[in-house]
């Protein structure tokens, strides 16, 4: 059995002591997501906070007094989504996993079932983008999910669900992963 370790510091996935790429690393290296030009420190900190507040809320461990006003609307949007979609039942919250055959790691925001079908839900603080379907297909492969949903949370407390159904998404991810691994083996990856 392989030894899998997730290190939250640096967002690193290790398999038998060797770092394996994350889903986002693979997608970014393949050029499938736009570069983060113009992202400020606030933007880079908002993403984790948009995820953390709903996770703590779902685990009933959120201290309401600690919620940043900039995050409050998105937390309210998540709660409104949860109240309006009882057909989505959460089984796991942000559980790091790895794929033993393809050797990559990832963390789906929520694993569970939607109307009885194995599903994942990913929380997003921005607008829908084509690469999100590719990202969610990689997460779905990690957990054996059939259906994939992006839940887009707005600062004004509204939300939108986007189902990702393009069957090519998983092939796109696997191709990007194969290219990433080939470049890695041949020393062609740029390291941060």
C-alpha atoms as a PDB file:
ATOM      1  CA  UNK A   1       0.000   0.000   0.000  1.00  0.00           C
ATOM      2  CA  UNK A   2       1.283   3.435  -0.934  1.00  0.00           C
ATOM      3  CA  UNK A   3       1.935   6.092   1.682  1.00  0.00           C
ATOM      4  CA  UNK A   4      -0.027   9.235   0.798  1.00  0.00           C
ATOM      5  CA  UNK A   5       0.523  12.555   2.564  1.00  0.00           C
ATOM      6  CA  UNK A   6      -1.063  15.934   1.928  1.00  0.00           C
ATOM      7  CA  UNK A   7       0.853  18.990   3.161  1.00  0.00           C
ATOM      8  CA  UNK A   8      -1.446  21.990   3.413  1.00  0.00           C
ATOM      9  CA  UNK A   9       1.577  24.290   3.622  1.00  0.00           C
ATOM     10  CA  UNK A  10       2.442  24.727  -0.020  1.00  0.00           C
ATOM     11  CA  UNK A  11      -0.541  22.611  -1.131  1.00  0.00           C
ATOM     12  CA  UNK A  12       1.630  19.536  -1.794  1.00  0.00           C
ATOM     13  CA  UNK A  13       0.638  15.933  -2.422  1.00  0.00           C
ATOM     14  CA  UNK A  14       3.241  13.251  -1.668  1.00  0.00           C
ATOM     15  CA  UNK A  15       3.054   9.606  -2.659  1.00  0.00           C
ATOM     16  CA  UNK A  16       5.725   7.346  -1.123  1.00  0.00           C
ATOM     17  CA  UNK A  17       7.723  10.484  -0.318  1.00  0.00           C
ATOM     18  CA  UNK A  18       7.662  11.800  -3.912  1.00  0.00           C
ATOM     19  CA  UNK A  19       5.681  14.895  -4.817  1.00  0.00           C
ATOM     20  CA  UNK A  20       2.918  14.289  -7.331  1.00  0.00           C
ATOM     21  CA  UNK A  21       1.204  17.112  -9.210  1.00  0.00           C
ATOM     22  CA  UNK A  22      -2.077  18.582  -8.105  1.00  0.00           C
ATOM     23  CA  UNK A  23      -5.013  18.881 -10.470  1.00  0.00           C
ATOM     24  CA  UNK A  24      -4.611  22.658 -10.632  1.00  0.00           C
ATOM     25  CA  UNK A  25      -0.856  22.409 -11.250  1.00  0.00           C
ATOM     26  CA  UNK A  26      -1.472  20.130 -14.241  1.00  0.00           C
ATOM     27  CA  UNK A  27      -4.192  22.380 -15.665  1.00  0.00           C
ATOM     28  CA  UNK A  28      -2.101  25.514 -15.210  1.00  0.00           C
ATOM     29  CA  UNK A  29       1.019  23.901 -16.769  1.00  0.00           C
ATOM     30  CA  UNK A  30      -1.038  22.841 -19.802  1.00  0.00           C
ATOM     31  CA  UNK A  31      -2.191  26.415 -20.350  1.00  0.00           C
ATOM     32  CA  UNK A  32      -5.848  25.496 -19.859  1.00  0.00           C
ATOM     33  CA  UNK A  33      -6.472  28.220 -17.287  1.00  0.00           C
ATOM     34  CA  UNK A  34      -5.587  31.885 -17.683  1.00  0.00           C
ATOM     35  CA  UNK A  35      -2.460  33.179 -15.965  1.00  0.00           C
ATOM     36  CA  UNK A  36      -3.028  35.010 -12.712  1.00  0.00           C
ATOM     37  CA  UNK A  37      -1.897  38.396 -14.029  1.00  0.00           C
ATOM     38  CA  UNK A  38      -3.095  41.215 -11.837  1.00  0.00           C
ATOM     39  CA  UNK A  39      -4.055  38.971  -8.927  1.00  0.00           C
ATOM     40  CA  UNK A  40      -3.470  40.910  -5.740  1.00  0.00           C
ATOM     41  CA  UNK A  41      -2.738  39.454  -2.316  1.00  0.00           C
ATOM     42  CA  UNK A  42      -6.401  40.060  -1.498  1.00  0.00           C
ATOM     43  CA  UNK A  43      -7.490  37.955  -4.499  1.00  0.00           C
ATOM     44  CA  UNK A  44      -5.069  35.170  -3.556  1.00  0.00           C
ATOM     45  CA  UNK A  45      -6.347  35.119   0.044  1.00  0.00           C
ATOM     46  CA  UNK A  46     -10.032  35.387  -0.927  1.00  0.00           C
ATOM     47  CA  UNK A  47     -10.095  31.968  -2.624  1.00  0.00           C
ATOM     48  CA  UNK A  48      -9.098  29.968   0.453  1.00  0.00           C
ATOM     49  CA  UNK A  49     -11.397  32.079   2.652  1.00  0.00           C
ATOM     50  CA  UNK A  50     -14.353  31.501   0.296  1.00  0.00           C
ATOM     51  CA  UNK A  51     -13.727  27.762   0.776  1.00  0.00           C
ATOM     52  CA  UNK A  52     -12.921  27.796   4.490  1.00  0.00           C
ATOM     53  CA  UNK A  53     -16.046  29.596   5.718  1.00  0.00           C
ATOM     54  CA  UNK A  54     -18.509  27.171   4.041  1.00  0.00           C
ATOM     55  CA  UNK A  55     -16.414  24.183   5.183  1.00  0.00           C
ATOM     56  CA  UNK A  56     -16.533  25.354   8.800  1.00  0.00           C
ATOM     57  CA  UNK A  57     -20.236  26.120   8.409  1.00  0.00           C
ATOM     58  CA  UNK A  58     -20.931  22.624   7.039  1.00  0.00           C
ATOM     59  CA  UNK A  59     -18.962  21.133   9.931  1.00  0.00           C
ATOM     60  CA  UNK A  60     -20.883  23.385  12.376  1.00  0.00           C
ATOM     61  CA  UNK A  61     -17.563  24.754  13.616  1.00  0.00           C
ATOM     62  CA  UNK A  62     -17.790  28.315  12.298  1.00  0.00           C
ATOM     63  CA  UNK A  63     -17.345  31.216  14.692  1.00  0.00           C
ATOM     64  CA  UNK A  64     -19.612  33.781  13.015  1.00  0.00           C
ATOM     65  CA  UNK A  65     -17.646  36.666  14.556  1.00  0.00           C
ATOM     66  CA  UNK A  66     -14.559  35.714  12.520  1.00  0.00           C
ATOM     67  CA  UNK A  67     -16.180  35.939   9.074  1.00  0.00           C
ATOM     68  CA  UNK A  68     -14.677  38.771   7.049  1.00  0.00           C
ATOM     69  CA  UNK A  69     -17.360  41.101   5.620  1.00  0.00           C
ATOM     70  CA  UNK A  70     -15.817  40.492   2.178  1.00  0.00           C
ATOM     71  CA  UNK A  71     -16.622  36.776   2.565  1.00  0.00           C
ATOM     72  CA  UNK A  72     -20.012  37.082   4.313  1.00  0.00           C
ATOM     73  CA  UNK A  73     -22.048  37.353   1.096  1.00  0.00           C
ATOM     74  CA  UNK A  74     -20.456  34.247  -0.386  1.00  0.00           C
ATOM     75  CA  UNK A  75     -21.015  32.325   2.852  1.00  0.00           C
ATOM     76  CA  UNK A  76     -24.664  33.416   2.785  1.00  0.00           C
ATOM     77  CA  UNK A  77     -24.834  32.256  -0.847  1.00  0.00           C
ATOM     78  CA  UNK A  78     -23.467  28.820   0.131  1.00  0.00           C
ATOM     79  CA  UNK A  79     -26.006  28.509   2.915  1.00  0.00           C
ATOM     80  CA  UNK A  80     -28.794  29.503   0.532  1.00  0.00           C
ATOM     81  CA  UNK A  81     -27.589  26.880  -1.958  1.00  0.00           C
ATOM     82  CA  UNK A  82     -27.540  24.199   0.770  1.00  0.00           C
ATOM     83  CA  UNK A  83     -31.062  25.132   1.904  1.00  0.00           C
ATOM     84  CA  UNK A  84     -32.385  25.054  -1.670  1.00  0.00           C
ATOM     85  CA  UNK A  85     -30.748  21.755  -2.684  1.00  0.00           C
ATOM     86  CA  UNK A  86     -31.505  19.053  -0.128  1.00  0.00           C
ATOM     87  CA  UNK A  87     -30.979  16.540  -2.947  1.00  0.00           C
ATOM     88  CA  UNK A  88     -27.222  17.095  -2.519  1.00  0.00           C
ATOM     89  CA  UNK A  89     -26.043  15.091   0.496  1.00  0.00           C
ATOM     90  CA  UNK A  90     -22.460  15.694   1.632  1.00  0.00           C
ATOM     91  CA  UNK A  91     -20.313  12.674   2.485  1.00  0.00           C
ATOM     92  CA  UNK A  92     -16.860  14.315   2.593  1.00  0.00           C
ATOM     93  CA  UNK A  93     -15.615  17.888   2.931  1.00  0.00           C
ATOM     94  CA  UNK A  94     -12.283  18.802   1.304  1.00  0.00           C
ATOM     95  CA  UNK A  95     -10.641  15.397   1.693  1.00  0.00           C
ATOM     96  CA  UNK A  96      -7.270  15.231  -0.107  1.00  0.00           C
ATOM     97  CA  UNK A  97      -6.913  12.174  -2.320  1.00  0.00           C
ATOM     98  CA  UNK A  98      -4.629  10.717  -4.948  1.00  0.00           C
ATOM     99  CA  UNK A  99      -5.090   8.584  -8.027  1.00  0.00           C
ATOM    100  CA  UNK A 100      -2.952   5.432  -7.646  1.00  0.00           C
ATOM    101  CA  UNK A 101      -2.711   4.701 -11.360  1.00  0.00           C
ATOM    102  CA  UNK A 102      -2.340   8.193 -12.790  1.00  0.00           C
ATOM    103  CA  UNK A 103      -0.300   9.586  -9.878  1.00  0.00           C
ATOM    104  CA  UNK A 104      -1.859  12.987  -9.237  1.00  0.00           C
ATOM    105  CA  UNK A 105      -3.510  14.513  -6.196  1.00  0.00           C
ATOM    106  CA  UNK A 106      -6.530  16.682  -5.640  1.00  0.00           C
ATOM    107  CA  UNK A 107      -9.144  17.829  -3.200  1.00  0.00           C
ATOM    108  CA  UNK A 108     -12.775  18.062  -4.238  1.00  0.00           C
ATOM    109  CA  UNK A 109     -14.630  20.644  -2.181  1.00  0.00           C
ATOM    110  CA  UNK A 110     -17.582  18.341  -1.497  1.00  0.00           C
ATOM    111  CA  UNK A 111     -18.147  14.666  -2.245  1.00  0.00           C
ATOM    112  CA  UNK A 112     -21.530  13.098  -1.878  1.00  0.00           C
ATOM    113  CA  UNK A 113     -24.653  12.301  -3.813  1.00  0.00           C
ATOM    114  CA  UNK A 114     -27.023  14.473  -5.801  1.00  0.00           C
ATOM    115  CA  UNK A 115     -30.441  12.887  -6.165  1.00  0.00           C
ATOM    116  CA  UNK A 116     -28.834   9.571  -5.257  1.00  0.00           C
ATOM    117  CA  UNK A 117     -26.019   9.759  -7.849  1.00  0.00           C
ATOM    118  CA  UNK A 118     -22.349   9.915  -6.769  1.00  0.00           C
ATOM    119  CA  UNK A 119     -21.379  13.552  -7.277  1.00  0.00           C
ATOM    120  CA  UNK A 120     -18.887  16.251  -6.495  1.00  0.00           C
ATOM    121  CA  UNK A 121     -19.511  19.940  -5.933  1.00  0.00           C
ATOM    122  CA  UNK A 122     -16.792  22.540  -6.299  1.00  0.00           C
ATOM    123  CA  UNK A 123     -17.201  25.977  -4.757  1.00  0.00           C
ATOM    124  CA  UNK A 124     -16.187  28.904  -6.938  1.00  0.00           C
ATOM    125  CA  UNK A 125     -15.979  32.599  -6.114  1.00  0.00           C
ATOM    126  CA  UNK A 126     -15.740  33.826  -9.710  1.00  0.00           C
ATOM    127  CA  UNK A 127     -17.467  33.216 -13.013  1.00  0.00           C
ATOM    128  CA  UNK A 128     -17.844  29.865 -14.791  1.00  0.00           C
ATOM    129  CA  UNK A 129     -14.904  28.965 -17.044  1.00  0.00           C
ATOM    130  CA  UNK A 130     -14.335  26.100 -19.487  1.00  0.00           C
ATOM    131  CA  UNK A 131     -11.374  24.759 -17.521  1.00  0.00           C
ATOM    132  CA  UNK A 132     -13.597  24.172 -14.475  1.00  0.00           C
ATOM    133  CA  UNK A 133     -15.132  21.142 -16.213  1.00  0.00           C
ATOM    134  CA  UNK A 134     -11.658  19.688 -16.772  1.00  0.00           C
ATOM    135  CA  UNK A 135     -10.764  20.314 -13.120  1.00  0.00           C
ATOM    136  CA  UNK A 136     -13.936  18.677 -11.866  1.00  0.00           C
ATOM    137  CA  UNK A 137     -13.451  15.650 -14.145  1.00  0.00           C
ATOM    138  CA  UNK A 138     -10.085  15.033 -12.455  1.00  0.00           C
ATOM    139  CA  UNK A 139     -11.687  15.316  -9.008  1.00  0.00           C
ATOM    140  CA  UNK A 140     -14.522  13.015 -10.075  1.00  0.00           C
ATOM    141  CA  UNK A 141     -11.979  10.388 -11.141  1.00  0.00           C
ATOM    142  CA  UNK A 142     -10.403  10.569  -7.677  1.00  0.00           C
ATOM    143  CA  UNK A 143     -13.648   9.793  -5.869  1.00  0.00           C
ATOM    144  CA  UNK A 144     -15.636   7.752  -8.376  1.00  0.00           C
ATOM    145  CA  UNK A 145     -18.236  10.465  -8.896  1.00  0.00           C
ATOM    146  CA  UNK A 146     -20.594  10.369 -11.855  1.00  0.00           C
ATOM    147  CA  UNK A 147     -21.870  13.954 -11.792  1.00  0.00           C
ATOM    148  CA  UNK A 148     -19.949  17.212 -11.460  1.00  0.00           C
ATOM    149  CA  UNK A 149     -21.264  20.608 -10.370  1.00  0.00           C
ATOM    150  CA  UNK A 150     -19.721  24.023  -9.927  1.00  0.00           C
ATOM    151  CA  UNK A 151     -21.479  26.228  -7.390  1.00  0.00           C
ATOM    152  CA  UNK A 152     -20.673  29.879  -8.057  1.00  0.00           C
ATOM    153  CA  UNK A 153     -21.070  32.112  -5.019  1.00  0.00           C
ATOM    154  CA  UNK A 154     -21.541  35.842  -5.471  1.00  0.00           C
ATOM    155  CA  UNK A 155     -20.702  38.573  -2.968  1.00  0.00           C
ATOM    156  CA  UNK A 156     -24.355  39.668  -2.971  1.00  0.00           C
ATOM    157  CA  UNK A 157     -25.479  36.325  -1.498  1.00  0.00           C
ATOM    158  CA  UNK A 158     -26.735  34.795  -4.742  1.00  0.00           C
ATOM    159  CA  UNK A 159     -25.537  31.519  -6.230  1.00  0.00           C
ATOM    160  CA  UNK A 160     -25.592  29.614  -9.492  1.00  0.00           C
ATOM    161  CA  UNK A 161     -25.130  25.891 -10.170  1.00  0.00           C
ATOM    162  CA  UNK A 162     -23.403  24.800 -13.369  1.00  0.00           C
ATOM    163  CA  UNK A 163     -23.482  21.080 -14.184  1.00  0.00           C
ATOM    164  CA  UNK A 164     -20.393  19.954 -16.108  1.00  0.00           C
ATOM    165  CA  UNK A 165     -21.309  17.233 -18.588  1.00  0.00           C
ATOM    166  CA  UNK A 166     -18.719  17.398 -21.390  1.00  0.00           C
ATOM    167  CA  UNK A 167     -17.406  13.854 -21.733  1.00  0.00           C
ATOM    168  CA  UNK A 168     -14.179  15.149 -23.280  1.00  0.00           C
ATOM    169  CA  UNK A 169     -13.157  16.868 -20.041  1.00  0.00           C
ATOM    170  CA  UNK A 170     -11.582  13.747 -18.527  1.00  0.00           C
ATOM    171  CA  UNK A 171      -9.609  13.041 -21.715  1.00  0.00           C
ATOM    172  CA  UNK A 172      -8.369  16.629 -21.777  1.00  0.00           C
ATOM    173  CA  UNK A 173      -7.159  16.280 -18.193  1.00  0.00           C
ATOM    174  CA  UNK A 174      -5.480  12.944 -18.839  1.00  0.00           C
ATOM    175  CA  UNK A 175      -3.723  14.379 -21.905  1.00  0.00           C
ATOM    176  CA  UNK A 176      -2.555  17.388 -19.891  1.00  0.00           C
ATOM    177  CA  UNK A 177      -1.334  15.064 -17.142  1.00  0.00           C
ATOM    178  CA  UNK A 178       0.577  12.873 -19.623  1.00  0.00           C
ATOM    179  CA  UNK A 179       2.272  15.975 -21.068  1.00  0.00           C
ATOM    180  CA  UNK A 180       3.062  17.256 -17.574  1.00  0.00           C
ATOM    181  CA  UNK A 181       4.606  13.929 -16.532  1.00  0.00           C
ATOM    182  CA  UNK A 182       6.598  13.647 -19.769  1.00  0.00           C
ATOM    183  CA  UNK A 183       7.965  17.175 -19.317  1.00  0.00           C
ATOM    184  CA  UNK A 184       8.807  16.336 -15.694  1.00  0.00           C
ATOM    185  CA  UNK A 185      10.711  13.169 -16.656  1.00  0.00           C
ATOM    186  CA  UNK A 186      12.735  15.130 -19.203  1.00  0.00           C
ATOM    187  CA  UNK A 187      13.498  18.105 -16.941  1.00  0.00           C
ATOM    188  CA  UNK A 188      11.401  20.512 -18.978  1.00  0.00           C
ATOM    189  CA  UNK A 189       9.143  21.848 -16.217  1.00  0.00           C
ATOM    190  CA  UNK A 190       9.648  25.315 -14.822  1.00  0.00           C
ATOM    191  CA  UNK A 191       9.730  25.112 -11.023  1.00  0.00           C
ATOM    192  CA  UNK A 192       8.534  27.933  -8.798  1.00  0.00           C
END
